[in-house]
Amino acid sequence: MLFIYLFGLPGGPELLLIAFVVLLMFGGKKLPELMKGLGKGIREFNNAKANIETEVRDSMKEIDKKAKSED
């Protein structure tokens, strides 16, 4: 986190360098499997986030209904 504050977010050349290093470390055969796992993790995170947002919205609606019925 300190890195981002000191140097900013990585740009195009930095991302290319990172991609090249990852390719060297994992090789071409492991890379698709790695990306598939990353995609699955991102999808699960987004699904969990959507579920939490839905629960919060539903709870807020219930609170609003209770507040209106008390008036």
PDB file of N, CA and C in Angstrom:
ATOM      1  N   MET A   1       0.827  -1.183   0.000  1.00  0.00           N
ATOM      2  CA  MET A   1       0.000   0.000   0.000  1.00  0.00           C
ATOM      3  C   MET A   1       0.873   1.249   0.000  1.00  0.00           C
ATOM      4  N   LEU A   2       1.951   1.202   0.710  1.00  0.00           N
ATOM      5  CA  LEU A   2       2.866   2.328   0.757  1.00  0.00           C
ATOM      6  C   LEU A   2       3.461   2.588  -0.618  1.00  0.00           C
ATOM      7  N   PHE A   3       3.674   1.505  -1.380  1.00  0.00           N
ATOM      8  CA  PHE A   3       4.219   1.621  -2.731  1.00  0.00           C
ATOM      9  C   PHE A   3       3.341   2.503  -3.610  1.00  0.00           C
ATOM     10  N   ILE A   4       2.023   2.329  -3.517  1.00  0.00           N
ATOM     11  CA  ILE A   4       1.088   3.103  -4.338  1.00  0.00           C
ATOM     12  C   ILE A   4       1.167   4.580  -3.977  1.00  0.00           C
ATOM     13  N   TYR A   5       1.286   4.879  -2.696  1.00  0.00           N
ATOM     14  CA  TYR A   5       1.350   6.277  -2.281  1.00  0.00           C
ATOM     15  C   TYR A   5       2.657   6.941  -2.712  1.00  0.00           C
ATOM     16  N   LEU A   6       3.732   6.181  -2.693  1.00  0.00           N
ATOM     17  CA  LEU A   6       5.032   6.758  -3.041  1.00  0.00           C
ATOM     18  C   LEU A   6       5.243   6.868  -4.555  1.00  0.00           C
ATOM     19  N   PHE A   7       4.835   5.856  -5.292  1.00  0.00           N
ATOM     20  CA  PHE A   7       5.166   5.797  -6.711  1.00  0.00           C
ATOM     21  C   PHE A   7       3.963   5.865  -7.639  1.00  0.00           C
ATOM     22  N   GLY A   8       2.761   5.798  -7.153  1.00  0.00           N
ATOM     23  CA  GLY A   8       1.577   5.822  -7.998  1.00  0.00           C
ATOM     24  C   GLY A   8       1.250   4.439  -8.534  1.00  0.00           C
ATOM     25  N   LEU A   9       0.184   4.372  -9.301  1.00  0.00           N
ATOM     26  CA  LEU A   9      -0.228   3.099  -9.889  1.00  0.00           C
ATOM     27  C   LEU A   9       0.665   2.763 -11.078  1.00  0.00           C
ATOM     28  N   PRO A  10       0.893   1.472 -11.322  1.00  0.00           N
ATOM     29  CA  PRO A  10       1.736   1.101 -12.458  1.00  0.00           C
ATOM     30  C   PRO A  10       1.060   1.446 -13.779  1.00  0.00           C
ATOM     31  N   GLY A  11       1.843   1.932 -14.728  1.00  0.00           N
ATOM     32  CA  GLY A  11       1.335   2.287 -16.041  1.00  0.00           C
ATOM     33  C   GLY A  11       1.570   1.174 -17.037  1.00  0.00           C
ATOM     34  N   GLY A  12       1.530   1.505 -18.321  1.00  0.00           N
ATOM     35  CA  GLY A  12       1.675   0.534 -19.400  1.00  0.00           C
ATOM     36  C   GLY A  12       2.979  -0.225 -19.376  1.00  0.00           C
ATOM     37  N   PRO A  13       4.132   0.459 -19.353  1.00  0.00           N
ATOM     38  CA  PRO A  13       5.406  -0.278 -19.363  1.00  0.00           C
ATOM     39  C   PRO A  13       5.599  -1.171 -18.135  1.00  0.00           C
ATOM     40  N   GLU A  14       5.149  -0.702 -16.997  1.00  0.00           N
ATOM     41  CA  GLU A  14       5.287  -1.503 -15.785  1.00  0.00           C
ATOM     42  C   GLU A  14       4.425  -2.758 -15.857  1.00  0.00           C
ATOM     43  N   LEU A  15       3.209  -2.606 -16.388  1.00  0.00           N
ATOM     44  CA  LEU A  15       2.326  -3.767 -16.512  1.00  0.00           C
ATOM     45  C   LEU A  15       2.888  -4.779 -17.504  1.00  0.00           C
ATOM     46  N   LEU A  16       3.497  -4.313 -18.581  1.00  0.00           N
ATOM     47  CA  LEU A  16       4.130  -5.227 -19.537  1.00  0.00           C
ATOM     48  C   LEU A  16       5.285  -5.976 -18.882  1.00  0.00           C
ATOM     49  N   LEU A  17       6.061  -5.296 -18.082  1.00  0.00           N
ATOM     50  CA  LEU A  17       7.171  -5.933 -17.378  1.00  0.00           C
ATOM     51  C   LEU A  17       6.653  -6.983 -16.402  1.00  0.00           C
ATOM     52  N   ILE A  18       5.594  -6.650 -15.681  1.00  0.00           N
ATOM     53  CA  ILE A  18       4.999  -7.604 -14.736  1.00  0.00           C
ATOM     54  C   ILE A  18       4.474  -8.823 -15.487  1.00  0.00           C
ATOM     55  N   ALA A  19       3.790  -8.604 -16.608  1.00  0.00           N
ATOM     56  CA  ALA A  19       3.266  -9.714 -17.410  1.00  0.00           C
ATOM     57  C   ALA A  19       4.401 -10.599 -17.917  1.00  0.00           C
ATOM     58  N   PHE A  20       5.508  -9.996 -18.340  1.00  0.00           N
ATOM     59  CA  PHE A  20       6.647 -10.754 -18.825  1.00  0.00           C
ATOM     60  C   PHE A  20       7.255 -11.604 -17.719  1.00  0.00           C
ATOM     61  N   VAL A  21       7.384 -11.041 -16.531  1.00  0.00           N
ATOM     62  CA  VAL A  21       7.944 -11.779 -15.393  1.00  0.00           C
ATOM     63  C   VAL A  21       7.024 -12.938 -15.016  1.00  0.00           C
ATOM     64  N   VAL A  22       5.714 -12.708 -15.023  1.00  0.00           N
ATOM     65  CA  VAL A  22       4.761 -13.779 -14.706  1.00  0.00           C
ATOM     66  C   VAL A  22       4.873 -14.883 -15.742  1.00  0.00           C
ATOM     67  N   LEU A  23       4.996 -14.526 -17.011  1.00  0.00           N
ATOM     68  CA  LEU A  23       5.143 -15.517 -18.069  1.00  0.00           C
ATOM     69  C   LEU A  23       6.414 -16.333 -17.878  1.00  0.00           C
ATOM     70  N   LEU A  24       7.499 -15.681 -17.498  1.00  0.00           N
ATOM     71  CA  LEU A  24       8.752 -16.401 -17.253  1.00  0.00           C
ATOM     72  C   LEU A  24       8.645 -17.335 -16.053  1.00  0.00           C
ATOM     73  N   MET A  25       7.949 -16.877 -15.006  1.00  0.00           N
ATOM     74  CA  MET A  25       7.857 -17.670 -13.781  1.00  0.00           C
ATOM     75  C   MET A  25       6.970 -18.899 -13.957  1.00  0.00           C
ATOM     76  N   PHE A  26       5.835 -18.739 -14.589  1.00  0.00           N
ATOM     77  CA  PHE A  26       4.859 -19.822 -14.673  1.00  0.00           C
ATOM     78  C   PHE A  26       4.910 -20.576 -15.986  1.00  0.00           C
ATOM     79  N   GLY A  27       5.445 -19.976 -17.027  1.00  0.00           N
ATOM     80  CA  GLY A  27       5.507 -20.644 -18.322  1.00  0.00           C
ATOM     81  C   GLY A  27       4.197 -20.544 -19.071  1.00  0.00           C
ATOM     82  N   GLY A  28       4.266 -20.797 -20.353  1.00  0.00           N
ATOM     83  CA  GLY A  28       3.090 -20.683 -21.214  1.00  0.00           C
ATOM     84  C   GLY A  28       2.025 -21.716 -20.946  1.00  0.00           C
ATOM     85  N   LYS A  29       2.419 -22.886 -20.446  1.00  0.00           N
ATOM     86  CA  LYS A  29       1.442 -23.957 -20.227  1.00  0.00           C
ATOM     87  C   LYS A  29       0.619 -23.737 -18.970  1.00  0.00           C
ATOM     88  N   LYS A  30       1.206 -23.134 -17.962  1.00  0.00           N
ATOM     89  CA  LYS A  30       0.490 -22.903 -16.702  1.00  0.00           C
ATOM     90  C   LYS A  30      -0.321 -21.614 -16.715  1.00  0.00           C
ATOM     91  N   LEU A  31      -0.006 -20.708 -17.610  1.00  0.00           N
ATOM     92  CA  LEU A  31      -0.644 -19.392 -17.621  1.00  0.00           C
ATOM     93  C   LEU A  31      -2.164 -19.455 -17.830  1.00  0.00           C
ATOM     94  N   PRO A  32      -2.683 -20.236 -18.803  1.00  0.00           N
ATOM     95  CA  PRO A  32      -4.149 -20.303 -18.938  1.00  0.00           C
ATOM     96  C   PRO A  32      -4.840 -20.827 -17.692  1.00  0.00           C
ATOM     97  N   GLU A  33      -4.226 -21.812 -17.041  1.00  0.00           N
ATOM     98  CA  GLU A  33      -4.800 -22.352 -15.806  1.00  0.00           C
ATOM     99  C   GLU A  33      -4.804 -21.301 -14.707  1.00  0.00           C
ATOM    100  N   LEU A  34      -3.733 -20.531 -14.629  1.00  0.00           N
ATOM    101  CA  LEU A  34      -3.629 -19.460 -13.643  1.00  0.00           C
ATOM    102  C   LEU A  34      -4.694 -18.384 -13.890  1.00  0.00           C
ATOM    103  N   MET A  35      -4.874 -17.995 -15.143  1.00  0.00           N
ATOM    104  CA  MET A  35      -5.870 -16.975 -15.485  1.00  0.00           C
ATOM    105  C   MET A  35      -7.294 -17.488 -15.236  1.00  0.00           C
ATOM    106  N   LYS A  36      -7.528 -18.779 -15.496  1.00  0.00           N
ATOM    107  CA  LYS A  36      -8.848 -19.361 -15.233  1.00  0.00           C
ATOM    108  C   LYS A  36      -9.172 -19.298 -13.746  1.00  0.00           C
ATOM    109  N   GLY A  37      -8.188 -19.629 -12.915  1.00  0.00           N
ATOM    110  CA  GLY A  37      -8.384 -19.552 -11.464  1.00  0.00           C
ATOM    111  C   GLY A  37      -8.610 -18.122 -11.003  1.00  0.00           C
ATOM    112  N   LEU A  38      -7.876 -17.186 -11.603  1.00  0.00           N
ATOM    113  CA  LEU A  38      -8.049 -15.773 -11.260  1.00  0.00           C
ATOM    114  C   LEU A  38      -9.448 -15.299 -11.648  1.00  0.00           C
ATOM    115  N   GLY A  39      -9.903 -15.689 -12.827  1.00  0.00           N
ATOM    116  CA  GLY A  39     -11.251 -15.317 -13.268  1.00  0.00           C
ATOM    117  C   GLY A  39     -12.323 -15.884 -12.367  1.00  0.00           C
ATOM    118  N   LYS A  40     -12.132 -17.135 -11.939  1.00  0.00           N
ATOM    119  CA  LYS A  40     -13.101 -17.766 -11.042  1.00  0.00           C
ATOM    120  C   LYS A  40     -13.139 -17.039  -9.701  1.00  0.00           C
ATOM    121  N   GLY A  41     -11.972 -16.647  -9.200  1.00  0.00           N
ATOM    122  CA  GLY A  41     -11.914 -15.921  -7.935  1.00  0.00           C
ATOM    123  C   GLY A  41     -12.593 -14.564  -8.027  1.00  0.00           C
ATOM    124  N   ILE A  42     -12.377 -13.860  -9.132  1.00  0.00           N
ATOM    125  CA  ILE A  42     -13.020 -12.553  -9.328  1.00  0.00           C
ATOM    126  C   ILE A  42     -14.531 -12.713  -9.434  1.00  0.00           C
ATOM    127  N   ARG A  43     -14.968 -13.755 -10.151  1.00  0.00           N
ATOM    128  CA  ARG A  43     -16.409 -14.003 -10.299  1.00  0.00           C
ATOM    129  C   ARG A  43     -17.039 -14.299  -8.944  1.00  0.00           C
ATOM    130  N   GLU A  44     -16.395 -15.124  -8.119  1.00  0.00           N
ATOM    131  CA  GLU A  44     -16.925 -15.431  -6.790  1.00  0.00           C
ATOM    132  C   GLU A  44     -16.969 -14.187  -5.914  1.00  0.00           C
ATOM    133  N   PHE A  45     -15.944 -13.347  -6.011  1.00  0.00           N
ATOM    134  CA  PHE A  45     -15.928 -12.105  -5.238  1.00  0.00           C
ATOM    135  C   PHE A  45     -17.092 -11.205  -5.650  1.00  0.00           C
ATOM    136  N   ASN A  46     -17.316 -11.059  -6.953  1.00  0.00           N
ATOM    137  CA  ASN A  46     -18.415 -10.210  -7.429  1.00  0.00           C
ATOM    138  C   ASN A  46     -19.773 -10.766  -7.014  1.00  0.00           C
ATOM    139  N   ASN A  47     -19.925 -12.091  -7.035  1.00  0.00           N
ATOM    140  CA  ASN A  47     -21.184 -12.696  -6.589  1.00  0.00           C
ATOM    141  C   ASN A  47     -21.414 -12.439  -5.105  1.00  0.00           C
ATOM    142  N   ALA A  48     -20.375 -12.572  -4.302  1.00  0.00           N
ATOM    143  CA  ALA A  48     -20.509 -12.314  -2.864  1.00  0.00           C
ATOM    144  C   ALA A  48     -20.847 -10.850  -2.615  1.00  0.00           C
ATOM    145  N   LYS A  49     -20.208  -9.955  -3.368  1.00  0.00           N
ATOM    146  CA  LYS A  49     -20.486  -8.526  -3.220  1.00  0.00           C
ATOM    147  C   LYS A  49     -21.936  -8.215  -3.581  1.00  0.00           C
ATOM    148  N   ALA A  50     -22.426  -8.827  -4.656  1.00  0.00           N
ATOM    149  CA  ALA A  50     -23.813  -8.600  -5.069  1.00  0.00           C
ATOM    150  C   ALA A  50     -24.785  -9.126  -4.014  1.00  0.00           C
ATOM    151  N   ASN A  51     -24.482 -10.281  -3.424  1.00  0.00           N
ATOM    152  CA  ASN A  51     -25.341 -10.831  -2.374  1.00  0.00           C
ATOM    153  C   ASN A  51     -25.384  -9.920  -1.156  1.00  0.00           C
ATOM    154  N   ILE A  52     -24.268  -9.385  -0.774  1.00  0.00           N
ATOM    155  CA  ILE A  52     -24.227  -8.477   0.377  1.00  0.00           C
ATOM    156  C   ILE A  52     -25.010  -7.206   0.078  1.00  0.00           C
ATOM    157  N   GLU A  53     -24.843  -6.663  -1.137  1.00  0.00           N
ATOM    158  CA  GLU A  53     -25.589  -5.456  -1.505  1.00  0.00           C
ATOM    159  C   GLU A  53     -27.085  -5.717  -1.478  1.00  0.00           C
ATOM    160  N   THR A  54     -27.511  -6.882  -1.955  1.00  0.00           N
ATOM    161  CA  THR A  54     -28.933  -7.229  -1.946  1.00  0.00           C
ATOM    162  C   THR A  54     -29.451  -7.343  -0.521  1.00  0.00           C
ATOM    163  N   GLU A  55     -28.690  -7.981   0.357  1.00  0.00           N
ATOM    164  CA  GLU A  55     -29.111  -8.117   1.754  1.00  0.00           C
ATOM    165  C   GLU A  55     -29.220  -6.758   2.433  1.00  0.00           C
ATOM    166  N   VAL A  56     -28.282  -5.874   2.171  1.00  0.00           N
ATOM    167  CA  VAL A  56     -28.322  -4.538   2.778  1.00  0.00           C
ATOM    168  C   VAL A  56     -29.533  -3.769   2.265  1.00  0.00           C
ATOM    169  N   ARG A  57     -29.786  -3.832   0.957  1.00  0.00           N
ATOM    170  CA  ARG A  57     -30.950  -3.141   0.381  1.00  0.00           C
ATOM    171  C   ARG A  57     -32.249  -3.666   0.975  1.00  0.00           C
ATOM    172  N   ASP A  58     -32.351  -5.008   1.085  1.00  0.00           N
ATOM    173  CA  ASP A  58     -33.562  -5.604   1.662  1.00  0.00           C
ATOM    174  C   ASP A  58     -33.744  -5.183   3.117  1.00  0.00           C
ATOM    175  N   SER A  59     -32.663  -5.150   3.860  1.00  0.00           N
ATOM    176  CA  SER A  59     -32.739  -4.724   5.267  1.00  0.00           C
ATOM    177  C   SER A  59     -33.175  -3.272   5.377  1.00  0.00           C
ATOM    178  N   MET A  60     -32.649  -2.423   4.494  1.00  0.00           N
ATOM    179  CA  MET A  60     -33.033  -1.008   4.510  1.00  0.00           C
ATOM    180  C   MET A  60     -34.520  -0.846   4.184  1.00  0.00           C
ATOM    181  N   LYS A  61     -35.023  -1.658   3.248  1.00  0.00           N
ATOM    182  CA  LYS A  61     -36.454  -1.590   2.909  1.00  0.00           C
ATOM    183  C   LYS A  61     -37.309  -2.007   4.095  1.00  0.00           C
ATOM    184  N   GLU A  62     -36.885  -3.053   4.798  1.00  0.00           N
ATOM    185  CA  GLU A  62     -37.630  -3.502   5.973  1.00  0.00           C
ATOM    186  C   GLU A  62     -37.637  -2.443   7.063  1.00  0.00           C
ATOM    187  N   ILE A  63     -36.500  -1.782   7.253  1.00  0.00           N
ATOM    188  CA  ILE A  63     -36.422  -0.714   8.267  1.00  0.00           C
ATOM    189  C   ILE A  63     -37.335   0.435   7.883  1.00  0.00           C
ATOM    190  N   ASP A  64     -37.349   0.794   6.591  1.00  0.00           N
ATOM    191  CA  ASP A  64     -38.221   1.871   6.130  1.00  0.00           C
ATOM    192  C   ASP A  64     -39.692   1.496   6.324  1.00  0.00           C
ATOM    193  N   LYS A  65     -40.065   0.249   6.046  1.00  0.00           N
ATOM    194  CA  LYS A  65     -41.461  -0.197   6.214  1.00  0.00           C
ATOM    195  C   LYS A  65     -41.863  -0.119   7.688  1.00  0.00           C
ATOM    196  N   LYS A  66     -40.960  -0.540   8.583  1.00  0.00           N
ATOM    197  CA  LYS A  66     -41.258  -0.493  10.023  1.00  0.00           C
ATOM    198  C   LYS A  66     -41.395   0.952  10.494  1.00  0.00           C
ATOM    199  N   ALA A  67     -40.554   1.814   9.991  1.00  0.00           N
ATOM    200  CA  ALA A  67     -40.607   3.225  10.393  1.00  0.00           C
ATOM    201  C   ALA A  67     -41.904   3.872   9.892  1.00  0.00           C
ATOM    202  N   LYS A  68     -42.339   3.541   8.695  1.00  0.00           N
ATOM    203  CA  LYS A  68     -43.597   4.113   8.147  1.00  0.00           C
ATOM    204  C   LYS A  68     -44.799   3.561   8.864  1.00  0.00           C
ATOM    205  N   SER A  69     -44.758   2.288   9.269  1.00  0.00           N
ATOM    206  CA  SER A  69     -45.914   1.699   9.950  1.00  0.00           C
ATOM    207  C   SER A  69     -46.051   2.243  11.373  1.00  0.00           C
ATOM    208  N   GLU A  70     -44.962   2.705  11.960  1.00  0.00           N
ATOM    209  CA  GLU A  70     -45.028   3.260  13.319  1.00  0.00           C
ATOM    210  C   GLU A  70     -45.603   4.678  13.320  1.00  0.00           C
ATOM    211  N   ASP A  71     -45.521   5.363  12.165  1.00  0.00           N
ATOM    212  CA  ASP A  71     -46.037   6.741  12.100  1.00  0.00           C
ATOM    213  C   ASP A  71     -47.503   6.800  12.097  1.00  0.00           C
TER     214      ASP A  71
END
